[in-house]
Amino acid sequence: MTASTDTIASIISLGVCAILYLLPAINAKSRKHPSAGAIFLLNLFLGWTILGWLAALIWSAAATSTRVSSAQPIVSTESEDKYQKLERLGGLKGKGLITEAEYESEKKKILGS
């Protein structure tokens, strides 16, 4: 091998090692983790310890979203007519997100009876 081939192989090896070292930070960034900055710092400063790297990797792979209710609020704009409100309310009831009693109560509010 020549000196230029050794240099190229060294640069490629260094790049692969850098990617592997920063894998937790890359994973957190790609998953839009809310703590991506902290994960990067942990990875950067303590990644050389195997435990620090593993902690950053596990943290970056942890669940990123909090449980958000899929129920839409009944409150709507004034431009929406009664039929659209009733349709949305029926959809919530159909999905099991509201009970029959809640459905009837909201229906009476919408219809004004």
N, C-alpha and C. Protein backbone atom coordinates (compact mmCIF):
# COMPACT_ATOMS: atom_id res chain seq x y z
N MET A 1 0.84 -1.18 0.00
CA MET A 1 0.00 0.00 0.00
C MET A 1 0.88 1.24 0.00
N THR A 2 0.34 2.26 -0.61
CA THR A 2 1.08 3.51 -0.65
C THR A 2 0.63 4.40 0.49
N ALA A 3 1.35 5.50 0.64
CA ALA A 3 1.05 6.43 1.72
C ALA A 3 -0.32 7.08 1.52
N SER A 4 -0.70 7.38 0.28
CA SER A 4 -2.00 8.00 0.03
C SER A 4 -3.15 7.03 0.31
N THR A 5 -2.96 5.75 0.04
CA THR A 5 -3.98 4.75 0.33
C THR A 5 -4.16 4.59 1.83
N ASP A 6 -3.04 4.61 2.56
CA ASP A 6 -3.10 4.52 4.03
C ASP A 6 -3.82 5.73 4.60
N THR A 7 -3.57 6.91 4.03
CA THR A 7 -4.21 8.14 4.51
C THR A 7 -5.71 8.08 4.28
N ILE A 8 -6.11 7.64 3.10
CA ILE A 8 -7.54 7.53 2.78
C ILE A 8 -8.22 6.51 3.69
N ALA A 9 -7.58 5.37 3.91
CA ALA A 9 -8.13 4.34 4.79
C ALA A 9 -8.25 4.86 6.22
N SER A 10 -7.28 5.65 6.65
CA SER A 10 -7.32 6.22 8.00
C SER A 10 -8.46 7.22 8.14
N ILE A 11 -8.68 8.04 7.13
CA ILE A 11 -9.76 9.03 7.17
C ILE A 11 -11.11 8.33 7.19
N ILE A 12 -11.27 7.30 6.37
CA ILE A 12 -12.53 6.55 6.35
C ILE A 12 -12.77 5.87 7.69
N SER A 13 -11.73 5.26 8.26
CA SER A 13 -11.86 4.61 9.57
C SER A 13 -12.23 5.62 10.65
N LEU A 14 -11.62 6.79 10.61
CA LEU A 14 -11.93 7.84 11.57
C LEU A 14 -13.38 8.29 11.43
N GLY A 15 -13.86 8.42 10.21
CA GLY A 15 -15.25 8.81 9.97
C GLY A 15 -16.23 7.77 10.49
N VAL A 16 -15.95 6.49 10.23
CA VAL A 16 -16.81 5.41 10.71
C VAL A 16 -16.84 5.39 12.23
N CYS A 17 -15.69 5.56 12.86
CA CYS A 17 -15.62 5.58 14.33
C CYS A 17 -16.39 6.78 14.89
N ALA A 18 -16.30 7.93 14.25
CA ALA A 18 -17.02 9.12 14.72
C ALA A 18 -18.53 8.90 14.62
N ILE A 19 -18.97 8.29 13.54
CA ILE A 19 -20.40 8.02 13.38
C ILE A 19 -20.87 7.03 14.45
N LEU A 20 -20.12 5.98 14.68
CA LEU A 20 -20.49 5.01 15.72
C LEU A 20 -20.49 5.65 17.10
N TYR A 21 -19.51 6.50 17.38
CA TYR A 21 -19.42 7.18 18.67
C TYR A 21 -20.61 8.10 18.89
N LEU A 22 -21.03 8.81 17.86
CA LEU A 22 -22.13 9.77 17.97
C LEU A 22 -23.49 9.17 17.59
N LEU A 23 -23.57 7.86 17.49
CA LEU A 23 -24.80 7.20 17.12
C LEU A 23 -25.99 7.57 18.02
N PRO A 24 -25.82 7.62 19.35
CA PRO A 24 -26.96 8.04 20.18
C PRO A 24 -27.45 9.46 19.86
N ALA A 25 -26.54 10.38 19.64
CA ALA A 25 -26.92 11.76 19.32
C ALA A 25 -27.60 11.82 17.95
N ILE A 26 -27.10 11.06 17.00
CA ILE A 26 -27.70 11.02 15.66
C ILE A 26 -29.11 10.44 15.74
N ASN A 27 -29.26 9.38 16.54
CA ASN A 27 -30.58 8.76 16.71
C ASN A 27 -31.56 9.74 17.36
N ALA A 28 -31.12 10.45 18.39
CA ALA A 28 -32.00 11.41 19.07
C ALA A 28 -32.41 12.53 18.12
N LYS A 29 -31.47 13.02 17.33
CA LYS A 29 -31.77 14.11 16.38
C LYS A 29 -32.74 13.64 15.31
N SER A 30 -32.55 12.44 14.79
CA SER A 30 -33.41 11.95 13.72
C SER A 30 -34.82 11.64 14.22
N ARG A 31 -34.96 11.29 15.50
CA ARG A 31 -36.27 11.00 16.07
C ARG A 31 -36.92 12.24 16.67
N LYS A 32 -36.25 13.40 16.54
CA LYS A 32 -36.75 14.66 17.09
C LYS A 32 -37.05 14.53 18.58
N HIS A 33 -36.11 13.92 19.29
CA HIS A 33 -36.25 13.71 20.73
C HIS A 33 -36.21 15.06 21.43
N PRO A 34 -37.12 15.29 22.39
CA PRO A 34 -37.13 16.60 23.07
C PRO A 34 -35.86 16.89 23.86
N SER A 35 -35.08 15.87 24.21
CA SER A 35 -33.84 16.05 24.95
C SER A 35 -32.62 15.79 24.08
N ALA A 36 -32.72 16.06 22.80
CA ALA A 36 -31.63 15.75 21.88
C ALA A 36 -30.34 16.47 22.26
N GLY A 37 -30.44 17.72 22.71
CA GLY A 37 -29.24 18.46 23.11
C GLY A 37 -28.55 17.84 24.30
N ALA A 38 -29.31 17.44 25.29
CA ALA A 38 -28.74 16.81 26.48
C ALA A 38 -28.13 15.45 26.14
N ILE A 39 -28.79 14.73 25.25
CA ILE A 39 -28.26 13.43 24.82
C ILE A 39 -26.94 13.63 24.09
N PHE A 40 -26.88 14.66 23.26
CA PHE A 40 -25.63 14.95 22.55
C PHE A 40 -24.50 15.26 23.53
N LEU A 41 -24.78 16.08 24.54
CA LEU A 41 -23.74 16.44 25.52
C LEU A 41 -23.30 15.22 26.32
N LEU A 42 -24.25 14.39 26.74
CA LEU A 42 -23.90 13.17 27.46
C LEU A 42 -23.04 12.28 26.58
N ASN A 43 -23.44 12.14 25.33
CA ASN A 43 -22.69 11.32 24.39
C ASN A 43 -21.30 11.87 24.13
N LEU A 44 -21.22 13.19 23.99
CA LEU A 44 -19.94 13.82 23.69
C LEU A 44 -18.94 13.69 24.84
N PHE A 45 -19.41 14.00 26.06
CA PHE A 45 -18.49 14.04 27.19
C PHE A 45 -18.32 12.72 27.93
N LEU A 46 -19.33 11.87 27.94
CA LEU A 46 -19.21 10.61 28.66
C LEU A 46 -19.34 9.38 27.76
N GLY A 47 -19.42 9.61 26.47
CA GLY A 47 -19.54 8.50 25.54
C GLY A 47 -18.33 7.60 25.51
N TRP A 48 -17.17 8.12 25.87
CA TRP A 48 -15.97 7.31 25.86
C TRP A 48 -16.02 6.23 26.94
N THR A 49 -16.84 6.46 27.98
CA THR A 49 -17.07 5.39 28.95
C THR A 49 -18.20 4.56 28.36
N ILE A 50 -18.08 3.31 28.40
CA ILE A 50 -19.09 2.44 27.79
C ILE A 50 -20.46 2.71 28.41
N LEU A 51 -20.51 2.93 29.73
CA LEU A 51 -21.78 3.20 30.39
C LEU A 51 -22.41 4.51 29.91
N GLY A 52 -21.60 5.52 29.71
CA GLY A 52 -22.11 6.80 29.21
C GLY A 52 -22.68 6.67 27.82
N TRP A 53 -22.01 5.91 26.96
CA TRP A 53 -22.48 5.69 25.60
C TRP A 53 -23.79 4.90 25.61
N LEU A 54 -23.85 3.85 26.44
CA LEU A 54 -25.06 3.05 26.53
C LEU A 54 -26.23 3.85 27.10
N ALA A 55 -25.95 4.69 28.10
CA ALA A 55 -27.00 5.53 28.68
C ALA A 55 -27.56 6.49 27.63
N ALA A 56 -26.67 7.10 26.85
CA ALA A 56 -27.11 8.01 25.80
C ALA A 56 -27.89 7.27 24.73
N LEU A 57 -27.47 6.07 24.39
CA LEU A 57 -28.17 5.28 23.37
C LEU A 57 -29.56 4.89 23.85
N ILE A 58 -29.67 4.43 25.09
CA ILE A 58 -30.97 4.03 25.63
C ILE A 58 -31.89 5.24 25.75
N TRP A 59 -31.34 6.36 26.21
CA TRP A 59 -32.13 7.58 26.35
C TRP A 59 -32.64 8.04 24.98
N SER A 60 -31.79 7.95 23.97
CA SER A 60 -32.21 8.40 22.64
C SER A 60 -33.25 7.48 22.02
N ALA A 61 -33.28 6.23 22.46
CA ALA A 61 -34.24 5.27 21.92
C ALA A 61 -35.53 5.23 22.73
N ALA A 62 -35.56 5.92 23.86
CA ALA A 62 -36.75 5.92 24.72
C ALA A 62 -37.90 6.62 24.03
N ALA A 63 -39.10 6.35 24.49
CA ALA A 63 -40.29 6.97 23.91
C ALA A 63 -40.18 8.48 23.98
N THR A 64 -40.56 9.13 22.89
CA THR A 64 -40.39 10.59 22.82
C THR A 64 -41.68 11.35 22.97
N SER A 65 -42.81 10.72 22.79
CA SER A 65 -44.06 11.47 22.85
C SER A 65 -44.82 11.13 24.11
N THR A 66 -45.46 12.13 24.66
CA THR A 66 -46.32 11.90 25.81
C THR A 66 -47.68 11.48 25.29
N ARG A 67 -48.40 10.79 26.10
CA ARG A 67 -49.72 10.31 25.67
C ARG A 67 -50.66 11.49 25.57
N VAL A 68 -51.17 11.69 24.39
CA VAL A 68 -52.10 12.78 24.12
C VAL A 68 -53.44 12.16 23.75
N SER A 69 -54.48 12.65 24.36
CA SER A 69 -55.81 12.13 24.06
C SER A 69 -56.17 12.45 22.62
N SER A 70 -56.75 11.47 21.95
CA SER A 70 -57.13 11.68 20.56
C SER A 70 -58.50 12.35 20.45
N ALA A 71 -59.15 12.56 21.59
CA ALA A 71 -60.46 13.21 21.56
C ALA A 71 -60.31 14.68 21.21
N GLN A 72 -61.12 15.13 20.28
CA GLN A 72 -61.10 16.52 19.89
C GLN A 72 -62.03 17.30 20.82
N PRO A 73 -61.66 18.48 21.18
CA PRO A 73 -62.55 19.25 22.04
C PRO A 73 -63.85 19.58 21.31
N ILE A 74 -64.92 19.64 22.06
CA ILE A 74 -66.22 19.94 21.49
C ILE A 74 -66.33 21.42 21.13
N VAL A 75 -65.53 22.26 21.79
CA VAL A 75 -65.57 23.70 21.55
C VAL A 75 -65.18 23.95 20.10
N SER A 76 -65.94 24.78 19.42
CA SER A 76 -65.66 25.05 18.01
C SER A 76 -65.89 26.52 17.71
N THR A 77 -65.57 26.90 16.50
CA THR A 77 -65.76 28.28 16.08
C THR A 77 -67.22 28.54 15.77
N GLU A 78 -67.60 29.78 15.75
CA GLU A 78 -68.99 30.15 15.50
C GLU A 78 -69.40 29.86 14.06
N SER A 79 -68.44 29.82 13.14
CA SER A 79 -68.78 29.62 11.73
C SER A 79 -69.23 28.19 11.44
N GLU A 80 -68.92 27.27 12.34
CA GLU A 80 -69.30 25.89 12.13
C GLU A 80 -70.80 25.73 12.44
N ASP A 81 -71.51 25.12 11.55
CA ASP A 81 -72.95 25.00 11.78
C ASP A 81 -73.28 23.80 12.67
N LYS A 82 -74.53 23.71 13.06
CA LYS A 82 -74.98 22.68 13.99
C LYS A 82 -74.75 21.27 13.45
N TYR A 83 -74.93 21.10 12.15
CA TYR A 83 -74.80 19.77 11.57
C TYR A 83 -73.36 19.26 11.65
N GLN A 84 -72.42 20.14 11.43
CA GLN A 84 -71.01 19.73 11.54
C GLN A 84 -70.67 19.39 12.98
N LYS A 85 -71.20 20.16 13.92
CA LYS A 85 -70.96 19.87 15.34
C LYS A 85 -71.55 18.52 15.71
N LEU A 86 -72.78 18.27 15.25
CA LEU A 86 -73.42 16.99 15.56
C LEU A 86 -72.68 15.82 14.91
N GLU A 87 -72.18 16.03 13.71
CA GLU A 87 -71.43 14.98 13.02
C GLU A 87 -70.15 14.64 13.78
N ARG A 88 -69.44 15.66 14.22
CA ARG A 88 -68.21 15.43 14.98
C ARG A 88 -68.52 14.76 16.31
N LEU A 89 -69.59 15.19 16.95
CA LEU A 89 -70.00 14.60 18.22
C LEU A 89 -70.36 13.13 18.04
N GLY A 90 -71.09 12.82 16.95
CA GLY A 90 -71.42 11.42 16.65
C GLY A 90 -70.18 10.59 16.39
N GLY A 91 -69.19 11.18 15.76
CA GLY A 91 -67.92 10.47 15.53
C GLY A 91 -67.21 10.13 16.82
N LEU A 92 -67.22 11.07 17.77
CA LEU A 92 -66.60 10.82 19.07
C LEU A 92 -67.34 9.69 19.81
N LYS A 93 -68.66 9.72 19.71
CA LYS A 93 -69.46 8.67 20.35
C LYS A 93 -69.19 7.32 19.67
N GLY A 94 -69.11 7.34 18.34
CA GLY A 94 -68.86 6.11 17.59
C GLY A 94 -67.50 5.49 17.91
N LYS A 95 -66.52 6.31 18.21
CA LYS A 95 -65.19 5.81 18.56
C LYS A 95 -65.11 5.39 20.02
N GLY A 96 -66.17 5.66 20.76
CA GLY A 96 -66.18 5.29 22.17
C GLY A 96 -65.44 6.28 23.06
N LEU A 97 -65.20 7.49 22.55
CA LEU A 97 -64.47 8.49 23.33
C LEU A 97 -65.38 9.25 24.30
N ILE A 98 -66.67 9.23 24.04
CA ILE A 98 -67.62 9.83 24.97
C ILE A 98 -68.76 8.84 25.20
N THR A 99 -69.43 8.99 26.33
CA THR A 99 -70.52 8.08 26.66
C THR A 99 -71.82 8.58 26.02
N GLU A 100 -72.84 7.74 26.12
CA GLU A 100 -74.15 8.10 25.60
C GLU A 100 -74.71 9.32 26.32
N ALA A 101 -74.51 9.37 27.64
CA ALA A 101 -75.01 10.51 28.42
C ALA A 101 -74.31 11.80 28.01
N GLU A 102 -73.00 11.74 27.80
CA GLU A 102 -72.25 12.92 27.36
C GLU A 102 -72.72 13.35 25.97
N TYR A 103 -72.98 12.37 25.12
CA TYR A 103 -73.45 12.66 23.77
C TYR A 103 -74.79 13.40 23.81
N GLU A 104 -75.72 12.89 24.60
CA GLU A 104 -77.05 13.51 24.69
C GLU A 104 -76.96 14.91 25.29
N SER A 105 -76.11 15.08 26.30
CA SER A 105 -75.95 16.39 26.94
C SER A 105 -75.40 17.42 25.95
N GLU A 106 -74.36 17.05 25.22
CA GLU A 106 -73.75 17.97 24.24
C GLU A 106 -74.70 18.22 23.07
N LYS A 107 -75.46 17.20 22.70
CA LYS A 107 -76.41 17.36 21.60
C LYS A 107 -77.48 18.39 21.97
N LYS A 108 -77.95 18.34 23.23
CA LYS A 108 -78.94 19.32 23.68
C LYS A 108 -78.36 20.73 23.67
N LYS A 109 -77.07 20.86 24.05
CA LYS A 109 -76.43 22.18 24.04
C LYS A 109 -76.34 22.72 22.62
N ILE A 110 -76.01 21.85 21.67
CA ILE A 110 -75.85 22.28 20.29
C ILE A 110 -77.20 22.69 19.69
N LEU A 111 -78.20 21.88 19.95
CA LEU A 111 -79.53 22.15 19.38
C LEU A 111 -80.29 23.24 20.15
N GLY A 112 -79.78 23.57 21.33
CA GLY A 112 -80.40 24.63 22.11
C GLY A 112 -81.70 24.20 22.75
N SER A 113 -81.85 22.91 23.01
CA SER A 113 -83.09 22.46 23.64
C SER A 113 -82.88 22.08 25.08
